[in-house]
């Protein structure tokens, strides 16, 4: 909920509203026989429009953030309207597609075909229900090895636990988040990384989020960077100040060193890098790199990876995409909304520069935005292990 006012968001809103208008026209044009049924259909469409249309419009941050309503009310209203719009459009499209075929004359085959059609029509709702009630809480711990050129022996196997895209809000309670923190503490990592989007909208419980993050237990400490929702809610300064009181060090255009044995890992952090300003990605971040150290960049937005590679960062750690949040596999290809915005959707990536191989990891994060559903993209706690890799090129 609360997307930026961009051409893409306006196009999506327009498409959903157009589909709802088309469905309403289709329902009104049908013959229902009895006048009472027709009046009932008209009343249902009217009341549906009163709820759905404003709910869809609430998805625009420029409108939602200015209303005096509770953020929970706005979030759930938009989620319900968005879910209805998507499911009704999908179900209607499937129904019309099924109507194109002729039913067999054999009664048993006709019955079987109707049952199969009913199953197809019910599938979108069933899958969405699973994503809402089950998968969005099914947190996975994923361990991944990232190769680092000329990694010092002291840093071999260094464990970084990453949590991101928490979105503590109407869709994720403090109790649920505390259980995720408990799971992260079982990892016994050397450093904890928090890569942005602590909350979703203004008046979400930032203090509760920071309080839970402060419970992370590691050998060296907890550091982080800011996400786009800290920017949208104008809470960057507050999160940095209050996080500091809890011992959480948010790196904002700043670096911090950790020594392990005789070797140093230098972590640099940047605020959210606006995708519409890609020509300005990581401006000045090269000054945060320390020669002779392993340099790790925290950036909420993974699109900065090519720039980070050119600047000389060994590892980039990001979030932002939620792994697409809804991912469907078709013929060994994964389709999800994030692919329309970035090639770096989820998992490890690598690139070879003129001197060395560099790596990126993009986590699915923990929370949800827009719709409290995850399908094929379970929330995760990432455990990143640094491993040796020979320089190439």
Protein backbone atom coordinates (compact mmCIF):
# COMPACT_ATOMS: atom_id res chain seq x y z
CA UNK A 1 0.00 0.00 0.00
CA UNK A 2 1.14 3.52 -0.69
CA UNK A 3 2.89 3.22 -4.03
CA UNK A 4 4.53 6.26 -5.53
CA UNK A 5 2.67 8.31 -8.13
CA UNK A 6 4.49 6.99 -11.20
CA UNK A 7 3.28 6.28 -14.75
CA UNK A 8 3.35 2.55 -13.91
CA UNK A 9 1.20 2.95 -10.77
CA UNK A 10 -1.29 5.15 -12.61
CA UNK A 11 -1.44 2.63 -15.47
CA UNK A 12 -2.07 -0.23 -13.03
CA UNK A 13 -4.80 1.72 -11.24
CA UNK A 14 -6.42 2.66 -14.53
CA UNK A 15 -6.35 -0.94 -15.77
CA UNK A 16 -7.97 -2.26 -12.58
CA UNK A 17 -10.68 0.41 -12.60
CA UNK A 18 -11.36 -0.24 -16.29
CA UNK A 19 -11.72 -3.96 -15.61
CA UNK A 20 -14.16 -3.30 -12.77
CA UNK A 21 -16.19 -0.98 -15.00
CA UNK A 22 -16.31 -3.66 -17.69
CA UNK A 23 -17.45 -6.30 -15.20
CA UNK A 24 -20.19 -4.00 -13.91
CA UNK A 25 -21.44 -3.30 -17.43
CA UNK A 26 -21.46 -7.01 -18.23
CA UNK A 27 -23.41 -7.83 -15.07
CA UNK A 28 -25.97 -5.09 -15.73
CA UNK A 29 -26.47 -6.14 -19.35
CA UNK A 30 -27.41 -9.72 -18.49
CA UNK A 31 -31.02 -10.84 -18.29
CA UNK A 32 -31.94 -12.11 -14.83
CA UNK A 33 -35.65 -12.69 -15.41
CA UNK A 34 -37.08 -11.34 -12.19
CA UNK A 35 -36.91 -7.56 -11.58
CA UNK A 36 -36.00 -8.17 -7.94
CA UNK A 37 -32.83 -10.01 -8.96
CA UNK A 38 -31.85 -7.23 -11.34
CA UNK A 39 -32.37 -4.63 -8.61
CA UNK A 40 -30.24 -6.73 -6.29
CA UNK A 41 -27.45 -6.90 -8.85
CA UNK A 42 -27.59 -3.12 -9.33
CA UNK A 43 -27.43 -2.57 -5.56
CA UNK A 44 -24.49 -4.98 -5.21
CA UNK A 45 -22.57 -3.22 -7.98
CA UNK A 46 -23.26 0.18 -6.40
CA UNK A 47 -22.11 -0.88 -2.94
CA UNK A 48 -19.14 -2.69 -4.45
CA UNK A 49 -18.08 0.45 -6.30
CA UNK A 50 -18.35 2.49 -3.11
CA UNK A 51 -15.90 0.12 -1.44
CA UNK A 52 -13.65 -1.00 -4.27
CA UNK A 53 -12.98 2.22 -6.18
CA UNK A 54 -11.84 4.30 -3.16
CA UNK A 55 -9.92 1.27 -1.89
CA UNK A 56 -7.95 1.03 -5.12
CA UNK A 57 -7.24 4.76 -5.12
CA UNK A 58 -5.86 4.42 -1.58
CA UNK A 59 -2.98 2.51 -3.13
CA UNK A 60 -1.50 5.84 -4.23
CA UNK A 61 0.77 7.18 -1.51
CA UNK A 62 0.09 10.81 -2.40
CA UNK A 63 -3.55 10.26 -1.37
CA UNK A 64 -3.34 7.61 1.36
CA UNK A 65 -0.73 9.41 3.46
CA UNK A 66 -2.85 12.55 3.71
CA UNK A 67 -6.00 10.98 5.11
CA UNK A 68 -6.81 11.14 8.85
CA UNK A 69 -7.75 7.47 9.03
CA UNK A 70 -5.85 4.81 10.93
CA UNK A 71 -3.05 3.27 8.81
CA UNK A 72 -4.50 -0.16 9.60
CA UNK A 73 -7.88 0.84 8.17
CA UNK A 74 -6.27 2.26 5.01
CA UNK A 75 -4.02 -0.77 4.55
CA UNK A 76 -6.78 -3.37 4.92
CA UNK A 77 -9.25 -1.35 2.83
CA UNK A 78 -6.79 -1.11 -0.03
CA UNK A 79 -5.78 -4.77 0.33
CA UNK A 80 -9.40 -5.96 0.22
CA UNK A 81 -10.20 -3.78 -2.82
CA UNK A 82 -7.02 -4.85 -4.62
CA UNK A 83 -7.67 -8.53 -3.90
CA UNK A 84 -11.25 -8.26 -5.13
CA UNK A 85 -10.20 -6.43 -8.30
CA UNK A 86 -7.51 -8.98 -9.15
CA UNK A 87 -9.53 -12.07 -8.30
CA UNK A 88 -12.75 -10.93 -9.96
CA UNK A 89 -10.90 -9.97 -13.14
CA UNK A 90 -8.96 -13.25 -13.24
CA UNK A 91 -12.04 -15.37 -12.53
CA UNK A 92 -14.10 -13.52 -15.14
CA UNK A 93 -11.35 -13.95 -17.75
CA UNK A 94 -11.15 -17.68 -17.03
CA UNK A 95 -14.93 -18.01 -17.19
CA UNK A 96 -15.12 -16.27 -20.55
CA UNK A 97 -12.31 -18.45 -21.86
CA UNK A 98 -14.11 -21.60 -20.74
CA UNK A 99 -17.32 -20.39 -22.38
CA UNK A 100 -15.60 -20.40 -25.76
CA UNK A 101 -15.61 -24.18 -25.86
CA UNK A 102 -18.64 -26.37 -26.43
CA UNK A 103 -19.67 -28.83 -23.74
CA UNK A 104 -19.79 -32.51 -24.82
CA UNK A 105 -23.20 -34.09 -25.37
CA UNK A 106 -22.41 -37.11 -23.18
CA UNK A 107 -23.92 -36.38 -19.69
CA UNK A 108 -21.04 -37.90 -17.72
CA UNK A 109 -18.41 -36.02 -19.70
CA UNK A 110 -20.46 -32.81 -19.43
CA UNK A 111 -20.56 -33.21 -15.66
CA UNK A 112 -16.82 -33.82 -15.55
CA UNK A 113 -16.12 -30.75 -17.69
CA UNK A 114 -18.29 -28.57 -15.47
CA UNK A 115 -16.50 -29.84 -12.37
CA UNK A 116 -13.11 -29.11 -13.96
CA UNK A 117 -14.28 -25.63 -14.97
CA UNK A 118 -15.48 -24.98 -11.42
CA UNK A 119 -12.11 -26.04 -10.08
CA UNK A 120 -10.33 -23.68 -12.46
CA UNK A 121 -12.55 -20.79 -11.43
CA UNK A 122 -12.00 -21.49 -7.73
CA UNK A 123 -8.22 -21.91 -8.08
CA UNK A 124 -7.22 -18.20 -7.97
CA UNK A 125 -9.18 -17.66 -4.75
CA UNK A 126 -7.80 -20.85 -3.17
CA UNK A 127 -4.19 -19.97 -4.04
CA UNK A 128 -4.63 -16.42 -2.73
CA UNK A 129 -6.09 -17.79 0.49
CA UNK A 130 -3.05 -20.04 0.91
CA UNK A 131 -0.73 -17.09 0.34
CA UNK A 132 -2.63 -15.06 2.93
CA UNK A 133 -3.15 -17.60 5.70
CA UNK A 134 -0.07 -19.83 5.30
CA UNK A 135 2.82 -18.80 3.07
CA UNK A 136 3.27 -15.21 4.26
CA UNK A 137 4.10 -16.57 7.72
CA UNK A 138 6.20 -19.51 6.51
CA UNK A 139 9.60 -17.94 7.14
CA UNK A 140 12.56 -19.77 5.63
CA UNK A 141 16.20 -19.53 6.73
CA UNK A 142 18.28 -19.56 3.57
CA UNK A 143 22.04 -20.01 3.66
CA UNK A 144 24.02 -18.80 0.67
CA UNK A 145 27.74 -18.62 -0.08
CA UNK A 146 29.06 -15.50 -1.77
CA UNK A 147 32.54 -15.73 -3.33
CA UNK A 148 34.97 -12.91 -2.61
CA UNK A 149 38.18 -12.47 -4.58
CA UNK A 150 41.32 -12.84 -2.46
CA UNK A 151 39.31 -13.29 0.74
CA UNK A 152 41.65 -13.32 3.79
CA UNK A 153 41.75 -16.57 5.73
CA UNK A 154 40.44 -14.82 8.86
CA UNK A 155 37.22 -13.98 6.99
CA UNK A 156 36.62 -17.40 5.44
CA UNK A 157 33.12 -18.49 6.48
CA UNK A 158 32.16 -15.14 8.01
CA UNK A 159 28.41 -15.27 8.63
CA UNK A 160 26.17 -12.29 7.97
CA UNK A 161 22.49 -12.58 8.89
CA UNK A 162 20.27 -10.32 6.82
CA UNK A 163 16.71 -9.22 7.52
CA UNK A 164 14.94 -6.79 5.25
CA UNK A 165 11.57 -5.39 4.18
CA UNK A 166 10.01 -5.96 7.57
CA UNK A 167 7.03 -3.68 6.95
CA UNK A 168 5.85 -3.83 10.56
CA UNK A 169 2.28 -2.69 10.02
CA UNK A 170 -1.27 -3.94 9.80
CA UNK A 171 0.03 -6.93 7.84
CA UNK A 172 2.78 -7.98 10.28
CA UNK A 173 2.41 -7.68 14.05
CA UNK A 174 5.17 -7.15 16.58
CA UNK A 175 4.49 -10.63 17.98
CA UNK A 176 4.98 -12.25 14.57
CA UNK A 177 8.13 -10.22 13.99
CA UNK A 178 9.52 -11.20 17.40
CA UNK A 179 9.31 -14.85 16.38
CA UNK A 180 11.34 -14.04 13.28
CA UNK A 181 13.97 -12.33 15.44
CA UNK A 182 14.11 -15.45 17.62
CA UNK A 183 14.79 -17.55 14.52
CA UNK A 184 17.55 -15.15 13.41
CA UNK A 185 19.20 -15.37 16.82
CA UNK A 186 19.60 -19.14 16.44
CA UNK A 187 22.02 -18.53 13.57
CA UNK A 188 24.76 -17.03 15.79
CA UNK A 189 26.02 -14.73 13.07
CA UNK A 190 29.05 -12.45 13.22
CA UNK A 191 27.18 -9.35 11.99
CA UNK A 192 23.49 -8.58 11.46
CA UNK A 193 22.42 -6.53 8.43
CA UNK A 194 19.08 -4.71 8.23
CA UNK A 195 18.51 -3.48 4.68
CA UNK A 196 15.55 -1.15 4.98
CA UNK A 197 11.75 -0.83 4.88
CA UNK A 198 11.17 -1.15 8.60
CA UNK A 199 7.57 0.07 8.31
CA UNK A 200 5.12 0.78 5.48
CA UNK A 201 3.19 4.00 6.16
CA UNK A 202 3.24 6.95 8.59
CA UNK A 203 2.11 6.08 12.12
CA UNK A 204 3.20 2.46 11.74
CA UNK A 205 5.01 1.20 14.90
CA UNK A 206 8.60 2.27 14.19
CA UNK A 207 9.58 2.11 17.88
CA UNK A 208 8.30 -1.45 18.20
CA UNK A 209 10.24 -2.42 15.07
CA UNK A 210 13.48 -0.95 16.42
CA UNK A 211 12.90 -2.58 19.78
CA UNK A 212 12.69 -6.01 18.16
CA UNK A 213 15.68 -5.42 15.87
CA UNK A 214 17.71 -4.51 18.96
CA UNK A 215 17.14 -8.07 20.20
CA UNK A 216 19.36 -9.46 17.43
CA UNK A 217 22.36 -11.23 18.93
CA UNK A 218 25.63 -11.30 16.99
CA UNK A 219 29.37 -11.31 17.70
CA UNK A 220 30.06 -7.81 16.39
CA UNK A 221 26.84 -5.80 16.11
CA UNK A 222 23.81 -4.72 14.11
CA UNK A 223 24.09 -2.31 11.18
CA UNK A 224 21.69 -1.26 8.47
CA UNK A 225 20.61 1.09 5.71
CA UNK A 226 17.40 2.94 4.88
CA UNK A 227 14.71 1.79 2.46
CA UNK A 228 12.24 3.61 0.26
CA UNK A 229 9.52 3.48 2.90
CA UNK A 230 11.72 5.31 5.39
CA UNK A 231 12.04 7.96 2.68
CA UNK A 232 8.30 8.00 1.90
CA UNK A 233 7.30 8.24 5.57
CA UNK A 234 10.03 10.79 6.32
CA UNK A 235 11.29 8.63 9.17
CA UNK A 236 14.95 8.28 8.18
CA UNK A 237 16.30 10.70 10.77
CA UNK A 238 14.05 9.29 13.48
CA UNK A 239 15.01 5.68 12.73
CA UNK A 240 18.69 6.58 12.74
CA UNK A 241 18.47 8.51 16.03
CA UNK A 242 16.28 6.06 17.93
CA UNK A 243 18.02 3.06 16.41
CA UNK A 244 21.32 4.43 17.72
CA UNK A 245 19.91 4.43 21.24
CA UNK A 246 19.19 0.73 20.83
CA UNK A 247 22.67 0.03 19.47
CA UNK A 248 21.52 -0.26 15.82
CA UNK A 249 23.91 1.62 13.56
CA UNK A 250 22.20 2.80 10.37
CA UNK A 251 24.89 3.71 7.86
CA UNK A 252 23.76 6.68 5.84
CA UNK A 253 26.43 7.54 3.29
CA UNK A 254 28.86 6.28 5.90
CA UNK A 255 31.13 3.28 6.51
CA UNK A 256 31.99 1.20 9.55
CA UNK A 257 34.83 -1.28 9.99
CA UNK A 258 34.83 -4.60 11.83
CA UNK A 259 38.05 -6.47 12.55
CA UNK A 260 38.13 -10.26 12.66
CA UNK A 261 41.57 -11.56 13.52
CA UNK A 262 43.99 -9.49 11.49
CA UNK A 263 41.52 -8.73 8.68
CA UNK A 264 38.94 -5.98 8.21
CA UNK A 265 35.45 -5.97 6.72
CA UNK A 266 34.38 -2.48 5.75
CA UNK A 267 30.60 -2.00 5.56
CA UNK A 268 29.24 0.99 3.68
CA UNK A 269 25.61 2.04 3.71
CA UNK A 270 23.55 4.35 1.52
CA UNK A 271 20.01 5.68 1.70
CA UNK A 272 17.47 4.44 -0.83
CA UNK A 273 18.64 5.10 -4.36
CA UNK A 274 15.66 6.31 -6.38
CA UNK A 275 15.21 4.13 -9.45
CA UNK A 276 13.98 7.10 -11.48
CA UNK A 277 17.37 8.72 -10.84
CA UNK A 278 19.52 5.79 -11.91
CA UNK A 279 22.09 8.09 -13.50
CA UNK A 280 22.91 9.28 -9.97
CA UNK A 281 23.23 5.85 -8.34
CA UNK A 282 25.83 5.69 -5.54
CA UNK A 283 27.16 9.19 -6.11
CA UNK A 284 30.11 9.58 -3.74
CA UNK A 285 29.86 6.00 -2.40
CA UNK A 286 33.28 5.15 -3.84
CA UNK A 287 34.77 7.32 -1.08
CA UNK A 288 33.49 4.83 1.50
CA UNK A 289 35.66 2.00 0.12
CA UNK A 290 38.69 1.07 2.22
CA UNK A 291 41.74 -0.26 0.44
CA UNK A 292 43.06 -3.54 1.81
CA UNK A 293 39.70 -4.49 3.34
CA UNK A 294 36.77 -6.57 2.13
CA UNK A 295 34.14 -3.98 1.21
CA UNK A 296 30.44 -4.76 1.64
CA UNK A 297 27.77 -2.30 0.48
CA UNK A 298 24.30 -2.14 2.04
CA UNK A 299 21.79 -0.75 -0.44
CA UNK A 300 18.06 -1.34 -0.23
CA UNK A 301 17.74 -1.10 -4.00
CA UNK A 302 19.58 -3.93 -5.85
CA UNK A 303 19.64 -2.01 -9.15
CA UNK A 304 22.81 -0.27 -7.98
CA UNK A 305 24.82 -3.48 -8.43
CA UNK A 306 26.48 -2.61 -11.78
CA UNK A 307 27.60 0.76 -10.38
CA UNK A 308 28.77 -0.87 -7.13
CA UNK A 309 30.80 -3.37 -9.15
CA UNK A 310 32.50 -0.61 -11.12
CA UNK A 311 33.28 1.31 -7.94
CA UNK A 312 34.99 -1.73 -6.44
CA UNK A 313 32.57 -3.07 -3.80
CA UNK A 314 33.25 -6.78 -3.25
CA UNK A 315 29.74 -7.62 -2.06
CA UNK A 316 26.41 -5.79 -2.30
CA UNK A 317 23.51 -6.77 -0.04
CA UNK A 318 19.98 -5.65 -0.92
CA UNK A 319 16.25 -6.26 -0.55
CA UNK A 320 13.34 -4.18 -1.88
CA UNK A 321 11.84 -6.70 -4.36
CA UNK A 322 10.25 -9.16 -1.87
CA UNK A 323 11.33 -11.77 -4.41
CA UNK A 324 8.35 -10.54 -6.42
CA UNK A 325 6.04 -11.43 -3.47
CA UNK A 326 3.94 -13.41 -5.96
CA UNK A 327 5.93 -15.75 -8.21
CA UNK A 328 4.54 -18.24 -10.72
CA UNK A 329 6.68 -20.82 -12.50
CA UNK A 330 5.74 -21.42 -16.15
CA UNK A 331 7.91 -23.72 -18.28
CA UNK A 332 10.93 -23.30 -15.98
CA UNK A 333 10.55 -19.50 -16.09
CA UNK A 334 9.57 -17.52 -13.01
CA UNK A 335 7.07 -14.74 -13.58
CA UNK A 336 6.56 -12.05 -10.96
CA UNK A 337 5.88 -8.30 -10.84
CA UNK A 338 9.43 -7.38 -9.80
CA UNK A 339 10.81 -8.56 -13.16
CA UNK A 340 9.16 -5.54 -14.78
CA UNK A 341 11.33 -3.25 -12.63
CA UNK A 342 14.70 -4.93 -12.20
CA UNK A 343 16.74 -7.93 -13.40
CA UNK A 344 17.87 -8.49 -9.79
CA UNK A 345 14.79 -10.05 -8.24
CA UNK A 346 15.99 -12.65 -5.76
CA UNK A 347 19.06 -14.64 -4.79
CA UNK A 348 22.78 -14.40 -5.56
CA UNK A 349 24.21 -12.67 -8.61
CA UNK A 350 27.80 -12.15 -9.70
CA UNK A 351 29.74 -10.03 -12.13
CA UNK A 352 33.34 -9.99 -13.32
CA UNK A 353 35.06 -6.63 -13.44
CA UNK A 354 38.48 -5.89 -14.90
CA UNK A 355 40.16 -7.03 -11.69
CA UNK A 356 37.90 -9.37 -9.73
CA UNK A 357 34.59 -11.16 -9.33
CA UNK A 358 31.99 -9.28 -7.27
CA UNK A 359 28.72 -10.53 -5.81
CA UNK A 360 25.19 -9.40 -4.97
CA UNK A 361 22.57 -10.98 -2.76
CA UNK A 362 18.91 -9.92 -2.92
CA UNK A 363 16.69 -11.24 -0.15
CA UNK A 364 12.94 -11.82 -0.28
CA UNK A 365 12.56 -10.02 3.03
CA UNK A 366 10.00 -10.68 5.74
CA UNK A 367 6.89 -8.57 5.24
CA UNK A 368 4.43 -7.70 2.50
CA UNK A 369 3.19 -4.54 0.85
CA UNK A 370 -0.03 -3.76 -1.00
CA UNK A 371 -1.57 -7.20 -0.54
CA UNK A 372 -0.80 -9.37 2.55
CA UNK A 373 -0.09 -12.39 0.37
CA UNK A 374 3.01 -14.32 -0.64
CA UNK A 375 2.82 -16.99 -3.32
CA UNK A 376 5.94 -18.83 -4.41
CA UNK A 377 8.09 -16.29 -2.57
CA UNK A 378 8.14 -17.21 1.11
CA UNK A 379 9.57 -14.68 3.56
CA UNK A 380 13.17 -15.39 4.49
CA UNK A 381 16.01 -14.74 6.85
CA UNK A 382 19.21 -14.83 4.81
CA UNK A 383 22.49 -16.20 6.11
CA UNK A 384 25.34 -15.02 3.89
CA UNK A 385 28.68 -16.82 4.19
CA UNK A 386 31.77 -15.27 2.63
CA UNK A 387 33.95 -17.76 0.77
CA UNK A 388 37.19 -17.53 -1.17
CA UNK A 389 37.20 -16.92 -4.91
CA UNK A 390 40.08 -16.37 -7.29
CA UNK A 391 40.19 -12.99 -9.02
CA UNK A 392 39.33 -13.09 -12.73
CA UNK A 393 40.00 -10.82 -15.68
